[in-house]
C-alpha atoms as a PDB file:
ATOM      1  CA  MET A   1     -83.119-140.334 -84.471  1.00  0.00           C
ATOM      2  CA  GLY A   2     -79.983-138.413 -85.523  1.00  0.00           C
ATOM      3  CA  MET A   3     -81.504-137.418 -88.864  1.00  0.00           C
ATOM      4  CA  ASN A   4     -84.538-135.937 -87.116  1.00  0.00           C
ATOM      5  CA  LYS A   5     -82.257-133.773 -84.963  1.00  0.00           C
ATOM      6  CA  LEU A   6     -80.358-132.661 -88.049  1.00  0.00           C
ATOM      7  CA  TRP A   7     -83.479-131.409 -89.804  1.00  0.00           C
ATOM      8  CA  THR A   8     -84.820-129.826 -86.627  1.00  0.00           C
ATOM      9  CA  GLY A   9     -81.529-128.013 -86.082  1.00  0.00           C
ATOM     10  CA  ALA A  10     -81.389-126.870 -89.696  1.00  0.00           C
ATOM     11  CA  LEU A  11     -84.960-125.552 -89.496  1.00  0.00           C
ATOM     12  CA  ILE A  12     -84.304-123.721 -86.237  1.00  0.00           C
ATOM     13  CA  GLY A  13     -81.111-122.238 -87.674  1.00  0.00           C
ATOM     14  CA  ALA A  14     -82.941-121.064 -90.792  1.00  0.00           C
ATOM     15  CA  VAL A  15     -85.707-119.426 -88.760  1.00  0.00           C
ATOM     16  CA  VAL A  16     -83.245-117.715 -86.418  1.00  0.00           C
ATOM     17  CA  GLY A  17     -81.098-116.565 -89.353  1.00  0.00           C
ATOM     18  CA  ALA A  18     -84.109-115.185 -91.211  1.00  0.00           C
ATOM     19  CA  GLY A  19     -85.299-113.409 -88.073  1.00  0.00           C
ATOM     20  CA  ILE A  20     -81.915-111.781 -87.514  1.00  0.00           C
ATOM     21  CA  THR A  21     -81.671-110.552 -91.101  1.00  0.00           C
ATOM     22  CA  LEU A  22     -85.130-108.968 -90.821  1.00  0.00           C
ATOM     23  CA  PHE A  23     -83.789-106.500 -88.233  1.00  0.00           C
ATOM     24  CA  ASP A  24     -82.407-104.553 -91.204  1.00  0.00           C
ATOM     25  CA  ARG A  25     -85.066-102.183 -92.577  1.00  0.00           C
ATOM     26  CA  GLU A  26     -83.878-102.488 -96.208  1.00  0.00           C
ATOM     27  CA  THR A  27     -84.032-106.280 -96.035  1.00  0.00           C
ATOM     28  CA  ARG A  28     -87.529-106.146 -94.541  1.00  0.00           C
ATOM     29  CA  ASN A  29     -88.674-103.817 -97.339  1.00  0.00           C
ATOM     30  CA  GLU A  30     -87.224-106.141 -99.993  1.00  0.00           C
ATOM     31  CA  VAL A  31     -88.947-109.155 -98.430  1.00  0.00           C
ATOM     32  CA  VAL A  32     -92.284-107.335 -98.237  1.00  0.00           C
ATOM     33  CA  HIS A  33     -91.935-106.157-101.856  1.00  0.00           C
ATOM     34  CA  GLY A  34     -91.053-109.686-103.010  1.00  0.00           C
ATOM     35  CA  VAL A  35     -94.004-111.246-101.196  1.00  0.00           C
ATOM     36  CA  GLU A  36     -96.407-108.621-102.584  1.00  0.00           C
ATOM     37  CA  SER A  37     -95.102-109.100-106.127  1.00  0.00           C
ATOM     38  CA  THR A  38     -95.365-112.872-105.897  1.00  0.00           C
ATOM     39  CA  SER A  39     -98.861-112.606-104.440  1.00  0.00           C
ATOM     40  CA  ARG A  40    -100.014-110.401-107.329  1.00  0.00           C
ATOM     41  CA  LYS A  41     -98.594-112.829-109.884  1.00  0.00           C
ATOM     42  CA  MET A  42    -100.144-115.860-108.191  1.00  0.00           C
ATOM     43  CA  LYS A  43    -103.502-114.097-107.969  1.00  0.00           C
ATOM     44  CA  GLN A  44    -103.350-113.316-111.705  1.00  0.00           C
ATOM     45  CA  TYR A  45    -102.446-116.930-112.518  1.00  0.00           C
ATOM     46  CA  VAL A  46    -105.343-118.249-110.441  1.00  0.00           C
ATOM     47  CA  GLN A  47    -107.870-115.761-111.827  1.00  0.00           C
ATOM     48  CA  HIS A  48    -106.809-116.326-115.458  1.00  0.00           C
ATOM     49  CA  PRO A  49    -105.858-119.991-115.845  1.00  0.00           C
ATOM     50  CA  SER A  50    -106.066-119.906-119.653  1.00  0.00           C
ATOM     51  CA  TYR A  51    -103.492-117.090-119.706  1.00  0.00           C
ATOM     52  CA  THR A  52    -101.276-119.107-117.382  1.00  0.00           C
ATOM     53  CA  LEU A  53    -101.510-122.161-119.607  1.00  0.00           C
ATOM     54  CA  GLU A  54    -100.712-120.054-122.668  1.00  0.00           C
ATOM     55  CA  LEU A  55     -97.599-118.653-120.972  1.00  0.00           C
ATOM     56  CA  LEU A  56     -96.442-122.132-120.001  1.00  0.00           C
ATOM     57  CA  ASN A  57     -97.166-123.435-123.483  1.00  0.00           C
ATOM     58  CA  GLN A  58     -95.130-120.646-125.100  1.00  0.00           C
ATOM     59  CA  LYS A  59     -92.235-121.076-122.694  1.00  0.00           C
ATOM     60  CA  TYR A  60     -91.940-124.836-122.979  1.00  0.00           C
ATOM     61  CA  HIS A  61     -92.803-125.025-126.672  1.00  0.00           C
ATOM     62  CA  THR A  62     -89.916-122.679-127.478  1.00  0.00           C
ATOM     63  CA  SER A  63     -87.604-124.598-125.165  1.00  0.00           C
ATOM     64  CA  ILE A  64     -88.540-127.981-126.596  1.00  0.00           C
ATOM     65  CA  PHE A  65     -88.282-126.651-130.157  1.00  0.00           C
ATOM     66  CA  ASN A  66     -84.790-125.285-129.498  1.00  0.00           C
ATOM     67  CA  HIS A  67     -83.638-128.550-127.938  1.00  0.00           C
ATOM     68  CA  ALA A  68     -85.074-130.537-130.838  1.00  0.00           C
ATOM     69  CA  ASN A  69     -83.170-128.357-133.310  1.00  0.00           C
ATOM     70  CA  ASP A  70     -79.977-128.839-131.299  1.00  0.00           C
ATOM     71  CA  LEU A  71     -80.508-132.591-131.279  1.00  0.00           C
ATOM     72  CA  ILE A  72     -81.068-132.665-135.041  1.00  0.00           C
ATOM     73  CA  TYR A  73     -77.861-130.671-135.557  1.00  0.00           C
ATOM     74  CA  VAL A  74     -75.869-133.083-133.392  1.00  0.00           C
ATOM     75  CA  MET A  75     -77.340-136.072-135.215  1.00  0.00           C
ATOM     76  CA  ASP A  76     -76.397-134.519-138.563  1.00  0.00           C
ATOM     77  CA  GLN A  77     -72.844-134.013-137.328  1.00  0.00           C
ATOM     78  CA  ILE A  78     -72.644-137.629-136.140  1.00  0.00           C
ATOM     79  CA  GLN A  79     -73.945-138.828-139.495  1.00  0.00           C
ATOM     80  CA  TYR A  80     -71.321-136.718-141.277  1.00  0.00           C
ATOM     81  CA  VAL A  81     -68.530-138.189-139.143  1.00  0.00           C
ATOM     82  CA  LEU A  82     -69.778-141.741-139.685  1.00  0.00           C
ATOM     83  CA  GLU A  83     -69.973-141.206-143.434  1.00  0.00           C
ATOM     84  CA  SER A  84     -66.435-139.817-143.383  1.00  0.00           C
ATOM     85  CA  PHE A  85     -65.212-142.959-141.626  1.00  0.00           C
ATOM     86  CA  GLU A  86     -67.064-145.137-144.127  1.00  0.00           C
ATOM     87  CA  ASN A  87     -65.398-143.262-146.998  1.00  0.00           C
ATOM     88  CA  ILE A  88     -61.991-143.737-145.395  1.00  0.00           C
ATOM     89  CA  GLU A  89     -62.650-147.469-144.959  1.00  0.00           C
ATOM     90  CA  GLU A  90     -63.767-147.781-148.612  1.00  0.00           C
ATOM     91  CA  GLN A  91     -60.636-145.974-149.807  1.00  0.00           C
ATOM     92  CA  LYS A  92     -58.467-148.341-147.779  1.00  0.00           C
ATOM     93  CA  LYS A  93     -60.132-151.344-149.431  1.00  0.00           C
ATOM     94  CA  ASP A  94     -59.465-150.000-152.934  1.00  0.00           C
END
């Protein structure tokens, strides 16, 4: 029961806070501009799904490629360190 009151209070506080901030004309204009911009983008994504998929593919392909290169670099560094330790161990045996 207490958790329900928490979320209800948080929601009411958020709505009241948002309403109070909208009394400022500049804030209202920014909100309207943001909603219009987001609406245009969403409309474009819905009307051109192949374009949307291409954008997502480019974004995540580049990200995954960069992370894979970073991982390969780290693995190479680990291999270098391990080989260095092996060389030290071999020199100690001799």
